[in-house]
N, C-alpha and C. Protein backbone atom coordinates (compact mmCIF):
# COMPACT_ATOMS: atom_id res chain seq x y z
N MET A 1 4.05 33.01 -0.26
CA MET A 1 3.45 31.82 0.29
C MET A 1 2.41 31.32 -0.71
N ILE A 2 2.43 30.04 -0.96
CA ILE A 2 1.45 29.41 -1.84
C ILE A 2 0.43 28.66 -0.97
N VAL A 3 -0.85 28.88 -1.24
CA VAL A 3 -1.92 28.19 -0.53
C VAL A 3 -2.69 27.36 -1.56
N ALA A 4 -2.88 26.09 -1.25
CA ALA A 4 -3.62 25.21 -2.15
C ALA A 4 -4.70 24.48 -1.35
N VAL A 5 -5.86 24.32 -1.96
CA VAL A 5 -6.93 23.50 -1.38
C VAL A 5 -7.37 22.52 -2.45
N ALA A 6 -7.69 21.30 -2.03
CA ALA A 6 -8.08 20.27 -2.98
C ALA A 6 -9.14 19.36 -2.36
N MET A 7 -9.92 18.73 -3.21
CA MET A 7 -10.97 17.82 -2.75
C MET A 7 -10.62 16.35 -2.97
N GLY A 8 -9.52 16.09 -3.64
CA GLY A 8 -9.22 14.71 -4.00
C GLY A 8 -10.08 14.28 -5.17
N GLN A 9 -10.00 13.02 -5.53
CA GLN A 9 -10.73 12.52 -6.69
C GLN A 9 -12.24 12.47 -6.40
N GLN A 10 -13.00 12.99 -7.36
CA GLN A 10 -14.46 13.01 -7.27
C GLN A 10 -15.05 12.27 -8.47
N PRO A 11 -16.28 11.72 -8.34
CA PRO A 11 -16.83 10.85 -9.37
C PRO A 11 -17.39 11.55 -10.61
N ASN A 12 -17.60 12.90 -10.53
CA ASN A 12 -18.16 13.59 -11.69
C ASN A 12 -17.82 15.08 -11.63
N SER A 13 -18.36 15.84 -12.58
CA SER A 13 -18.01 17.26 -12.70
C SER A 13 -18.85 18.18 -11.81
N ALA A 14 -19.60 17.64 -10.87
CA ALA A 14 -20.48 18.45 -10.02
C ALA A 14 -19.80 18.92 -8.73
N PHE A 15 -18.48 18.86 -8.67
CA PHE A 15 -17.73 19.25 -7.47
C PHE A 15 -16.77 20.38 -7.80
N ALA A 16 -16.56 21.27 -6.83
CA ALA A 16 -15.62 22.38 -7.02
C ALA A 16 -15.12 22.85 -5.66
N ILE A 17 -13.96 23.50 -5.66
CA ILE A 17 -13.43 24.10 -4.44
C ILE A 17 -12.77 25.42 -4.83
N ILE A 18 -13.03 26.48 -4.05
CA ILE A 18 -12.59 27.82 -4.37
C ILE A 18 -12.06 28.51 -3.12
N ILE A 19 -10.92 29.16 -3.24
CA ILE A 19 -10.44 30.03 -2.16
C ILE A 19 -11.11 31.38 -2.39
N ASP A 20 -12.04 31.74 -1.50
CA ASP A 20 -12.81 32.98 -1.64
C ASP A 20 -12.07 34.20 -1.14
N GLY A 21 -11.13 34.01 -0.22
CA GLY A 21 -10.41 35.16 0.32
C GLY A 21 -9.49 34.75 1.45
N ALA A 22 -8.72 35.74 1.91
CA ALA A 22 -7.81 35.52 3.03
C ALA A 22 -7.68 36.85 3.78
N TYR A 23 -7.62 36.76 5.11
CA TYR A 23 -7.45 37.98 5.90
C TYR A 23 -6.73 37.66 7.19
N GLU A 24 -6.07 38.67 7.76
CA GLU A 24 -5.37 38.50 9.03
C GLU A 24 -6.31 38.86 10.16
N ARG A 25 -6.35 37.99 11.17
CA ARG A 25 -7.20 38.22 12.33
C ARG A 25 -6.41 37.79 13.56
N ASP A 26 -6.22 38.73 14.48
CA ASP A 26 -5.42 38.48 15.68
C ASP A 26 -4.05 37.94 15.27
N ASP A 27 -3.71 36.75 15.71
CA ASP A 27 -2.38 36.20 15.39
C ASP A 27 -2.46 35.13 14.31
N ARG A 28 -3.53 35.12 13.50
CA ARG A 28 -3.73 34.08 12.50
C ARG A 28 -4.02 34.67 11.11
N LEU A 29 -3.75 33.88 10.11
CA LEU A 29 -4.17 34.18 8.75
C LEU A 29 -5.33 33.24 8.45
N GLU A 30 -6.51 33.80 8.17
CA GLU A 30 -7.68 32.97 7.91
C GLU A 30 -7.92 32.90 6.41
N ILE A 31 -8.01 31.66 5.91
CA ILE A 31 -8.26 31.39 4.50
C ILE A 31 -9.72 30.94 4.38
N VAL A 32 -10.50 31.64 3.57
CA VAL A 32 -11.92 31.34 3.40
C VAL A 32 -12.09 30.46 2.15
N VAL A 33 -12.64 29.27 2.37
CA VAL A 33 -12.78 28.28 1.30
C VAL A 33 -14.25 27.91 1.12
N ARG A 34 -14.67 27.78 -0.13
CA ARG A 34 -16.03 27.33 -0.44
C ARG A 34 -15.92 26.07 -1.28
N SER A 35 -16.55 25.00 -0.81
CA SER A 35 -16.57 23.76 -1.60
C SER A 35 -18.00 23.49 -2.05
N VAL A 36 -18.11 22.99 -3.27
CA VAL A 36 -19.42 22.69 -3.86
C VAL A 36 -19.50 21.19 -4.06
N SER A 37 -20.56 20.61 -3.51
CA SER A 37 -20.79 19.17 -3.63
C SER A 37 -22.13 18.96 -4.30
N GLY A 38 -22.10 18.65 -5.57
CA GLY A 38 -23.34 18.50 -6.33
C GLY A 38 -23.77 17.05 -6.46
N LYS A 39 -23.71 16.31 -5.35
CA LYS A 39 -24.14 14.91 -5.37
C LYS A 39 -25.58 14.83 -5.84
N GLY A 40 -25.83 13.96 -6.79
CA GLY A 40 -27.19 13.78 -7.29
C GLY A 40 -27.60 14.77 -8.36
N CYS A 41 -26.72 15.72 -8.69
CA CYS A 41 -27.03 16.70 -9.73
C CYS A 41 -26.60 16.17 -11.10
N LEU A 42 -27.20 16.70 -12.13
CA LEU A 42 -26.83 16.35 -13.49
C LEU A 42 -25.41 16.86 -13.74
N ALA A 43 -24.51 15.97 -14.17
CA ALA A 43 -23.11 16.34 -14.38
C ALA A 43 -22.48 15.39 -15.37
N TYR A 44 -21.33 15.80 -15.89
CA TYR A 44 -20.58 14.91 -16.78
C TYR A 44 -20.02 13.75 -15.97
N SER A 45 -20.10 12.57 -16.51
CA SER A 45 -19.60 11.38 -15.83
C SER A 45 -18.12 11.22 -16.17
N ILE A 46 -17.29 11.96 -15.41
CA ILE A 46 -15.85 11.96 -15.62
C ILE A 46 -15.19 12.17 -14.27
N LEU A 47 -14.09 11.48 -14.02
CA LEU A 47 -13.37 11.67 -12.75
C LEU A 47 -12.73 13.05 -12.75
N THR A 48 -12.87 13.76 -11.63
CA THR A 48 -12.26 15.08 -11.48
C THR A 48 -11.48 15.12 -10.18
N ALA A 49 -10.63 16.12 -10.04
CA ALA A 49 -9.88 16.35 -8.81
C ALA A 49 -9.80 17.86 -8.60
N PRO A 50 -10.88 18.47 -8.09
CA PRO A 50 -10.94 19.93 -7.93
C PRO A 50 -9.82 20.47 -7.05
N VAL A 51 -9.23 21.59 -7.47
CA VAL A 51 -8.14 22.23 -6.74
C VAL A 51 -8.16 23.73 -7.04
N ASP A 52 -7.71 24.53 -6.07
CA ASP A 52 -7.53 25.97 -6.27
C ASP A 52 -6.23 26.35 -5.59
N ILE A 53 -5.45 27.20 -6.24
CA ILE A 53 -4.14 27.62 -5.72
C ILE A 53 -4.03 29.13 -5.83
N VAL A 54 -3.57 29.78 -4.75
CA VAL A 54 -3.35 31.23 -4.77
C VAL A 54 -1.98 31.55 -4.16
N ARG A 55 -1.46 32.71 -4.52
CA ARG A 55 -0.20 33.19 -3.93
C ARG A 55 -0.52 34.37 -3.02
N LEU A 56 -0.03 34.31 -1.79
CA LEU A 56 -0.24 35.36 -0.79
C LEU A 56 1.10 35.83 -0.27
N PRO A 57 1.16 37.04 0.31
CA PRO A 57 2.40 37.48 0.94
C PRO A 57 2.79 36.53 2.08
N ARG A 58 4.08 36.33 2.25
CA ARG A 58 4.58 35.45 3.31
C ARG A 58 4.18 36.02 4.67
N THR A 59 3.87 35.12 5.61
CA THR A 59 3.50 35.51 6.97
C THR A 59 4.05 34.50 7.96
N GLU A 60 4.25 34.96 9.18
CA GLU A 60 4.68 34.07 10.27
C GLU A 60 3.48 33.61 11.10
N ARG A 61 2.30 34.07 10.74
CA ARG A 61 1.08 33.72 11.49
C ARG A 61 0.67 32.28 11.22
N SER A 62 -0.05 31.68 12.17
CA SER A 62 -0.66 30.37 11.94
C SER A 62 -1.75 30.53 10.90
N VAL A 63 -1.98 29.48 10.12
CA VAL A 63 -2.99 29.53 9.06
C VAL A 63 -4.22 28.73 9.50
N VAL A 64 -5.38 29.35 9.34
CA VAL A 64 -6.66 28.71 9.68
C VAL A 64 -7.51 28.67 8.41
N PHE A 65 -8.02 27.48 8.08
CA PHE A 65 -8.93 27.35 6.95
C PHE A 65 -10.37 27.33 7.46
N ARG A 66 -11.20 28.21 6.91
CA ARG A 66 -12.64 28.24 7.24
C ARG A 66 -13.38 27.82 5.98
N GLU A 67 -13.98 26.63 6.03
CA GLU A 67 -14.63 26.08 4.85
C GLU A 67 -16.14 26.08 5.00
N THR A 68 -16.81 26.50 3.94
CA THR A 68 -18.25 26.41 3.85
C THR A 68 -18.58 25.47 2.70
N GLU A 69 -19.38 24.45 2.98
CA GLU A 69 -19.78 23.51 1.94
C GLU A 69 -21.12 23.95 1.36
N VAL A 70 -21.18 24.10 0.06
CA VAL A 70 -22.40 24.49 -0.64
C VAL A 70 -22.95 23.24 -1.32
N VAL A 71 -24.21 22.93 -1.03
CA VAL A 71 -24.86 21.75 -1.62
C VAL A 71 -26.06 22.24 -2.42
N PRO A 72 -25.93 22.29 -3.75
CA PRO A 72 -27.07 22.73 -4.57
C PRO A 72 -28.24 21.75 -4.44
N ASP A 73 -29.44 22.29 -4.39
CA ASP A 73 -30.63 21.45 -4.37
C ASP A 73 -31.09 21.29 -5.81
N CYS A 74 -30.58 20.25 -6.45
CA CYS A 74 -30.81 20.05 -7.89
C CYS A 74 -32.28 19.82 -8.23
N ASN A 75 -33.05 19.33 -7.31
CA ASN A 75 -34.47 19.07 -7.56
C ASN A 75 -35.32 20.32 -7.46
N GLN A 76 -34.81 21.38 -6.84
CA GLN A 76 -35.58 22.60 -6.63
C GLN A 76 -35.06 23.76 -7.46
N GLY A 77 -34.32 23.52 -8.51
CA GLY A 77 -33.82 24.61 -9.35
C GLY A 77 -32.58 25.24 -8.74
N SER A 78 -32.70 26.47 -8.28
CA SER A 78 -31.52 27.20 -7.81
C SER A 78 -31.36 27.19 -6.29
N GLY A 79 -32.10 26.36 -5.59
CA GLY A 79 -31.97 26.30 -4.13
C GLY A 79 -30.59 25.82 -3.71
N VAL A 80 -30.06 26.39 -2.63
CA VAL A 80 -28.72 26.03 -2.14
C VAL A 80 -28.78 25.86 -0.64
N ARG A 81 -28.10 24.83 -0.13
CA ARG A 81 -27.99 24.61 1.30
C ARG A 81 -26.51 24.73 1.66
N GLU A 82 -26.19 25.50 2.72
CA GLU A 82 -24.80 25.68 3.12
C GLU A 82 -24.56 25.06 4.48
N ARG A 83 -23.35 24.54 4.67
CA ARG A 83 -22.95 23.95 5.94
C ARG A 83 -21.53 24.41 6.23
N VAL A 84 -21.30 24.95 7.42
CA VAL A 84 -19.96 25.39 7.81
C VAL A 84 -19.22 24.20 8.40
N ILE A 85 -18.01 23.99 7.90
CA ILE A 85 -17.19 22.87 8.34
C ILE A 85 -16.22 23.38 9.40
N PRO A 86 -15.97 22.61 10.47
CA PRO A 86 -15.06 23.07 11.52
C PRO A 86 -13.70 23.52 10.99
N ASN A 87 -13.06 24.46 11.69
CA ASN A 87 -11.79 25.02 11.28
C ASN A 87 -10.66 23.99 11.29
N LEU A 88 -9.73 24.18 10.38
CA LEU A 88 -8.50 23.41 10.36
C LEU A 88 -7.37 24.39 10.58
N ILE A 89 -6.59 24.21 11.64
CA ILE A 89 -5.50 25.13 11.95
C ILE A 89 -4.18 24.44 11.66
N LEU A 90 -3.34 25.10 10.85
CA LEU A 90 -2.03 24.57 10.52
C LEU A 90 -0.94 25.49 11.04
N PRO A 91 0.09 24.98 11.68
CA PRO A 91 1.20 25.83 12.10
C PRO A 91 2.04 26.21 10.89
N THR A 92 2.67 27.36 10.92
CA THR A 92 3.57 27.73 9.83
C THR A 92 4.87 26.98 10.00
N LEU A 93 5.47 26.62 8.90
CA LEU A 93 6.73 25.85 8.94
C LEU A 93 7.91 26.74 8.65
């Protein structure tokens, strides 16, 4: 099974998306995703389209994406603010 996550087109290089892990829980496969949104941070002025792709063993379980958005505080050095985004559940085809 191939799992891909993408952010679509972004205005600069301050954006990223990463599949941090995957695990089986009850009757679902949970995919843990971290997205980075560096709005207002110093970055290259170039259009990007962040994507991450992984290969996992095939499963008949429903797939649930759990995404955490990381927003660096560019004005405070290394400060980071995180926000959990509601789950997206996809049926297996």
